C-alpha cells in the first residue's frame, strides 16, 4: 500500500515522515526521486515510434502497467515485508489523477501547510545563518536578494520552489480537494497525538501510539551543497510561538503576504481537513 506526503516547504513534511517512521508497520524515507522516474516515462513514451506504430491507445494500458511496476519495484523490499509505504515529494499534489490512473485506485495525499508568513520567515532565518558553502543565484537574482523584501519576493516567485508549491497546492484545492488530507503545521506541533490520530482515520490505518517527546531522525538529506541545513528536526515536538515571523519580516512585507495568501493562511490556522469537497 502506498500513501503520499506533499505540501509546502518549511511546513513539517520531514517531521511528519520521522514521526510516521516510529510505527514499525510503516516505511518512510527522505524526499523521493520516484516522481521523477514516473514523469520521465509519462513524458517520453508517446514519442517512441514503436508505440506510435502500435497505436497509443493500444499501448496505453501496457505503459500504465509498466509504470505501476515502477512504483512497486521502487519499493520492492518494504512492500515484500508487508509495510505501508509513505513517499514524500512536493509534486504529488500536482499528479493526483496520473497516480490514480497508474495505481488503479483513488489516493489520498497528506498535504502539509503553514502560514505563508511563517514559511517566508523560516527561509529568512536560514538565509541569515547560511554557511560559507552558500552560493548566490545568478547576478539579477543576487541583486534582488539584497533585502528582506527582495528575498521574500523571490522565494514566492512562481518559478521558485516555494512559489511553485503554493500554486500547486492552491490548484489541488480547486481540482481535487476530496483527495487531500490538509495537515496544518501548527496543529501537528500543538497537538501531535490528535493530529496523527486524524491522519490514521483519514487513511484507514490501525491506531498507533506515537511518541512526540522523542522523535528519532531516521530520514536524512544532505544539504551541505546548499550551505544550509534544511531537513534536521528537533527530537521533541513542541507548540510553535505565535506569529514567528515577527522581528524577522518587516511589517509591510508580512501584511502584504497576509493579503495575498489569506486562503492558505486560513487553512493553516485551522484543524486537519480530510477530503474537503469542492464548493
Protein backbone atom coordinates (compact mmCIF):
# COMPACT_ATOMS: atom_id res chain seq x y z
CA UNK A 1 0.00 0.00 0.00
CA UNK A 2 1.22 3.46 -0.94
CA UNK A 3 0.41 6.79 0.65
CA UNK A 4 1.79 10.15 -0.40
CA UNK A 5 3.09 13.14 1.55
CA UNK A 6 3.27 16.57 -0.07
CA UNK A 7 2.64 20.22 0.66
CA UNK A 8 4.55 23.44 1.21
CA UNK A 9 8.27 23.77 2.05
CA UNK A 10 9.19 24.54 5.67
CA UNK A 11 5.85 23.07 6.75
CA UNK A 12 6.78 19.90 8.61
CA UNK A 13 6.93 17.15 6.00
CA UNK A 14 10.28 15.90 7.33
CA UNK A 15 8.96 15.96 10.89
CA UNK A 16 5.83 14.08 9.85
CA UNK A 17 7.82 11.40 8.00
CA UNK A 18 10.03 10.74 11.00
CA UNK A 19 7.03 10.61 13.30
CA UNK A 20 5.31 8.14 10.95
CA UNK A 21 8.55 6.16 10.98
CA UNK A 22 8.05 5.33 14.66
CA UNK A 23 5.43 2.84 13.54
CA UNK A 24 7.15 -0.46 12.59
CA UNK A 25 4.38 -1.09 10.06
CA UNK A 26 5.47 1.95 8.05
CA UNK A 27 8.28 2.59 5.60
CA UNK A 28 9.37 6.23 5.30
CA UNK A 29 12.24 7.96 3.56
CA UNK A 30 13.63 11.35 2.58
CA UNK A 31 12.31 13.31 -0.38
CA UNK A 32 11.86 10.66 -3.05
CA UNK A 33 13.01 10.58 -6.66
CA UNK A 34 10.18 8.23 -7.65
CA UNK A 35 8.14 11.11 -9.02
CA UNK A 36 10.93 11.97 -11.49
CA UNK A 37 11.05 8.41 -12.80
CA UNK A 38 7.28 8.48 -13.24
CA UNK A 39 7.44 11.80 -15.09
CA UNK A 40 10.24 10.57 -17.34
CA UNK A 41 8.13 7.65 -18.55
CA UNK A 42 5.00 9.80 -18.85
CA UNK A 43 6.74 12.44 -20.94
CA UNK A 44 8.65 10.11 -23.26
CA UNK A 45 6.54 7.08 -24.07
CA UNK A 46 4.23 8.80 -26.65
CA UNK A 47 7.33 9.85 -28.60
CA UNK A 48 8.51 6.27 -29.15
CA UNK A 49 8.00 5.20 -32.75
CA UNK A 50 7.18 1.65 -31.70
CA UNK A 51 4.27 2.80 -29.56
CA UNK A 52 3.10 5.19 -32.27
CA UNK A 53 3.14 2.37 -34.84
CA UNK A 54 1.30 0.08 -32.46
CA UNK A 55 -1.23 2.78 -31.64
CA UNK A 56 -1.01 4.88 -28.50
CA UNK A 57 -4.42 3.75 -27.29
CA UNK A 58 -3.35 0.11 -27.67
CA UNK A 59 -0.07 0.69 -25.82
CA UNK A 60 -1.54 2.90 -23.11
CA UNK A 61 -2.69 0.11 -20.79
CA UNK A 62 0.67 -1.65 -21.09
CA UNK A 63 2.54 1.55 -20.28
CA UNK A 64 0.32 2.13 -17.26
CA UNK A 65 1.10 -1.42 -16.14
CA UNK A 66 4.81 -0.76 -16.56
CA UNK A 67 4.50 2.44 -14.53
CA UNK A 68 2.65 0.51 -11.82
CA UNK A 69 5.58 -1.89 -11.81
CA UNK A 70 7.89 1.11 -11.45
CA UNK A 71 6.13 2.03 -8.19
CA UNK A 72 6.14 -1.49 -6.78
CA UNK A 73 9.69 -2.16 -7.93
CA UNK A 74 10.98 1.06 -6.41
CA UNK A 75 9.67 -0.09 -3.01
CA UNK A 76 10.01 -3.82 -3.55
CA UNK A 77 11.73 -4.56 -0.23
CA UNK A 78 9.33 -2.79 2.17
CA UNK A 79 6.29 -3.93 0.19
CA UNK A 80 7.54 -7.52 0.33
CA UNK A 81 7.79 -7.08 4.09
CA UNK A 82 4.15 -6.01 4.16
CA UNK A 83 4.89 -2.42 5.12
CA UNK A 84 2.82 0.64 4.30
CA UNK A 85 4.92 3.00 2.18
CA UNK A 86 4.84 6.77 2.57
CA UNK A 87 6.50 8.58 -0.34
CA UNK A 88 7.35 12.26 0.10
CA UNK A 89 7.52 14.81 -2.70
CA UNK A 90 6.14 18.34 -3.06
CA UNK A 91 4.98 17.37 -6.54
CA UNK A 92 2.43 14.69 -5.65
CA UNK A 93 -0.45 17.19 -5.33
CA UNK A 94 0.14 18.05 -9.00
CA UNK A 95 -0.11 14.43 -10.20
CA UNK A 96 -3.07 13.03 -8.27
CA UNK A 97 -5.01 11.97 -11.36
CA UNK A 98 -1.96 10.41 -13.03
CA UNK A 99 -1.07 8.40 -9.93
CA UNK A 100 -4.65 7.19 -9.65
CA UNK A 101 -4.50 6.03 -13.28
CA UNK A 102 -1.26 4.18 -12.58
CA UNK A 103 -2.39 2.52 -9.34
CA UNK A 104 -5.97 1.97 -10.47
CA UNK A 105 -7.49 3.36 -7.28
CA UNK A 106 -8.25 6.65 -5.54
CA UNK A 107 -5.43 8.05 -3.43
CA UNK A 108 -5.12 10.47 -0.54
CA UNK A 109 -2.24 12.94 -0.30
CA UNK A 110 -1.21 14.20 3.13
CA UNK A 111 -0.69 17.89 2.39
CA UNK A 112 1.31 19.88 4.94
CA UNK A 113 0.58 23.60 5.04
CA UNK A 114 1.71 26.55 7.12
CA UNK A 115 1.07 30.27 7.29
CA UNK A 116 2.99 31.72 4.35
CA UNK A 117 4.41 34.44 6.62
CA UNK A 118 5.94 31.74 8.82
CA UNK A 119 7.37 29.99 5.76
CA UNK A 120 8.93 33.22 4.50
CA UNK A 121 10.28 33.95 7.96
CA UNK A 122 11.79 30.47 8.18
CA UNK A 123 13.58 30.95 4.85
CA UNK A 124 14.86 34.32 6.01
CA UNK A 125 16.27 32.78 9.20
CA UNK A 126 18.01 30.12 7.13
CA UNK A 127 19.48 32.81 4.88
CA UNK A 128 20.87 34.68 7.88
CA UNK A 129 22.65 31.63 9.25
CA UNK A 130 23.88 30.41 5.85
CA UNK A 131 27.29 28.76 5.69
CA UNK A 132 30.24 29.59 3.50
CA UNK A 133 29.07 26.95 1.01
CA UNK A 134 26.02 29.07 0.19
CA UNK A 135 26.14 30.23 -3.41
CA UNK A 136 24.18 33.19 -4.63
CA UNK A 137 21.97 32.64 -7.69
CA UNK A 138 22.61 34.49 -10.92
CA UNK A 139 23.52 38.17 -10.80
CA UNK A 140 19.99 39.51 -11.28
CA UNK A 141 18.65 37.28 -8.52
CA UNK A 142 21.58 38.19 -6.31
CA UNK A 143 20.67 41.87 -6.59
CA UNK A 144 17.04 41.12 -5.77
CA UNK A 145 18.16 39.23 -2.68
CA UNK A 146 19.94 42.22 -1.17
CA UNK A 147 16.91 42.97 1.03
CA UNK A 148 14.44 41.01 3.16
CA UNK A 149 11.64 42.14 0.88
CA UNK A 150 13.55 41.06 -2.21
CA UNK A 151 14.39 37.66 -0.74
CA UNK A 152 10.78 37.11 0.26
CA UNK A 153 9.51 38.07 -3.17
CA UNK A 154 12.00 35.70 -4.77
CA UNK A 155 11.07 32.61 -2.73
CA UNK A 156 7.39 33.24 -3.52
CA UNK A 157 8.01 33.76 -7.24
CA UNK A 158 6.19 31.20 -9.45
CA UNK A 159 9.45 29.69 -10.74
CA UNK A 160 10.87 29.08 -7.25
CA UNK A 161 10.32 26.07 -5.00
CA UNK A 162 8.00 27.77 -2.51
CA UNK A 163 6.04 29.79 -5.05
CA UNK A 164 5.55 26.78 -7.27
CA UNK A 165 4.44 24.65 -4.32
CA UNK A 166 1.94 27.31 -3.27
CA UNK A 167 0.49 27.38 -6.79
CA UNK A 168 0.22 23.59 -6.91
CA UNK A 169 -1.49 23.33 -3.52
CA UNK A 170 -3.95 26.05 -4.48
CA UNK A 171 -4.66 24.25 -7.75
CA UNK A 172 -5.19 20.91 -5.99
CA UNK A 173 -7.60 22.57 -3.56
CA UNK A 174 -9.70 23.57 -6.56
CA UNK A 175 -9.12 20.47 -8.68
CA UNK A 176 -9.26 17.54 -6.26
CA UNK A 177 -9.89 18.73 -2.68
CA UNK A 178 -11.51 15.41 -1.77
CA UNK A 179 -8.14 13.70 -2.32
CA UNK A 180 -6.24 15.90 0.14
CA UNK A 181 -5.66 15.46 3.85
CA UNK A 182 -4.76 19.01 4.88
CA UNK A 183 -2.45 18.97 7.91
CA UNK A 184 -1.52 22.40 9.34
CA UNK A 185 1.99 22.54 10.76
CA UNK A 186 0.81 24.44 13.84
CA UNK A 187 -1.77 21.73 14.51
CA UNK A 188 0.84 18.98 14.24
CA UNK A 189 3.18 20.74 16.67
CA UNK A 190 0.46 21.80 19.13
CA UNK A 191 -1.50 18.53 19.20
CA UNK A 192 0.70 15.82 17.65
CA UNK A 193 -1.18 12.83 19.06
CA UNK A 194 -4.59 14.09 17.96
CA UNK A 195 -3.21 15.07 14.56
CA UNK A 196 -1.66 11.65 13.97
CA UNK A 197 -4.93 10.01 15.00
CA UNK A 198 -6.76 12.16 12.45
CA UNK A 199 -4.29 11.13 9.74
CA UNK A 200 -4.77 7.46 10.64
CA UNK A 201 -8.55 7.86 10.44
CA UNK A 202 -8.28 9.59 7.06
CA UNK A 203 -6.13 6.79 5.62
CA UNK A 204 -7.96 3.92 7.36
CA UNK A 205 -4.84 2.91 9.25
CA UNK A 206 -4.88 0.99 12.53
CA UNK A 207 -4.32 3.15 15.64
CA UNK A 208 -0.75 3.64 16.86
CA UNK A 209 0.64 5.36 19.93
CA UNK A 210 3.26 7.82 18.68
CA UNK A 211 5.80 9.43 20.99
CA UNK A 212 6.06 13.16 20.17
CA UNK A 213 8.50 13.70 23.06
CA UNK A 214 11.23 11.65 21.41
CA UNK A 215 11.29 11.68 17.61
CA UNK A 216 14.39 9.97 16.27
CA UNK A 217 15.51 11.30 12.88
CA UNK A 218 15.63 8.30 10.56
CA UNK A 219 15.46 10.16 7.24
CA UNK A 220 18.48 12.13 6.10
CA UNK A 221 19.07 14.58 3.26
CA UNK A 222 22.48 16.13 2.67
CA UNK A 223 22.01 19.88 2.27
CA UNK A 224 25.70 20.77 2.62
CA UNK A 225 25.97 21.66 -1.05
CA UNK A 226 23.38 24.37 -0.43
CA UNK A 227 25.24 25.83 2.51
CA UNK A 228 22.13 25.49 4.68
CA UNK A 229 20.59 22.81 6.90
CA UNK A 230 17.04 22.28 5.64
CA UNK A 231 15.96 18.87 6.92
CA UNK A 232 17.04 18.47 10.55
CA UNK A 233 14.29 18.09 13.13
CA UNK A 234 14.08 18.56 16.88
CA UNK A 235 13.64 15.39 18.89
CA UNK A 236 10.71 16.80 20.90
CA UNK A 237 7.64 18.25 19.25
CA UNK A 238 6.51 21.48 20.89
CA UNK A 239 3.94 24.16 20.01
CA UNK A 240 5.25 26.94 17.80
CA UNK A 241 5.38 30.52 19.04
CA UNK A 242 2.59 32.75 17.73
CA UNK A 243 3.49 34.82 14.70
CA UNK A 244 7.07 33.54 14.36
CA UNK A 245 7.71 35.99 11.52
CA UNK A 246 7.60 38.95 13.95
CA UNK A 247 11.03 40.56 14.18
CA UNK A 248 12.13 38.70 11.04
CA UNK A 249 9.90 40.09 8.29
CA UNK A 250 9.19 43.84 8.15
CA UNK A 251 5.55 44.56 8.99
CA UNK A 252 4.67 45.82 5.46
CA UNK A 253 6.06 42.60 3.96
CA UNK A 254 4.12 40.43 6.43
CA UNK A 255 0.94 42.41 5.79
CA UNK A 256 1.30 42.02 2.03
CA UNK A 257 1.70 38.25 2.41
CA UNK A 258 -1.33 38.12 4.70
CA UNK A 259 -3.45 39.74 1.98
CA UNK A 260 -2.07 37.70 -0.92
CA UNK A 261 -2.31 34.30 0.77
CA UNK A 262 -5.33 34.73 3.03
CA UNK A 263 -6.86 31.49 1.73
CA UNK A 264 -3.90 29.28 2.67
CA UNK A 265 -3.25 31.14 5.92
CA UNK A 266 -6.84 30.47 6.97
CA UNK A 267 -6.40 26.73 6.35
CA UNK A 268 -3.05 26.80 8.14
CA UNK A 269 -4.73 28.21 11.26
CA UNK A 270 -7.40 25.51 11.37
CA UNK A 271 -7.69 21.80 12.14
CA UNK A 272 -6.85 18.80 9.99
CA UNK A 273 -9.20 18.78 6.98
CA UNK A 274 -9.97 15.44 5.35
CA UNK A 275 -11.35 15.28 1.83
CA UNK A 276 -12.94 18.73 1.70
CA UNK A 277 -15.48 18.86 -1.10
CA UNK A 278 -15.14 21.45 -3.82
CA UNK A 279 -17.86 24.10 -3.28
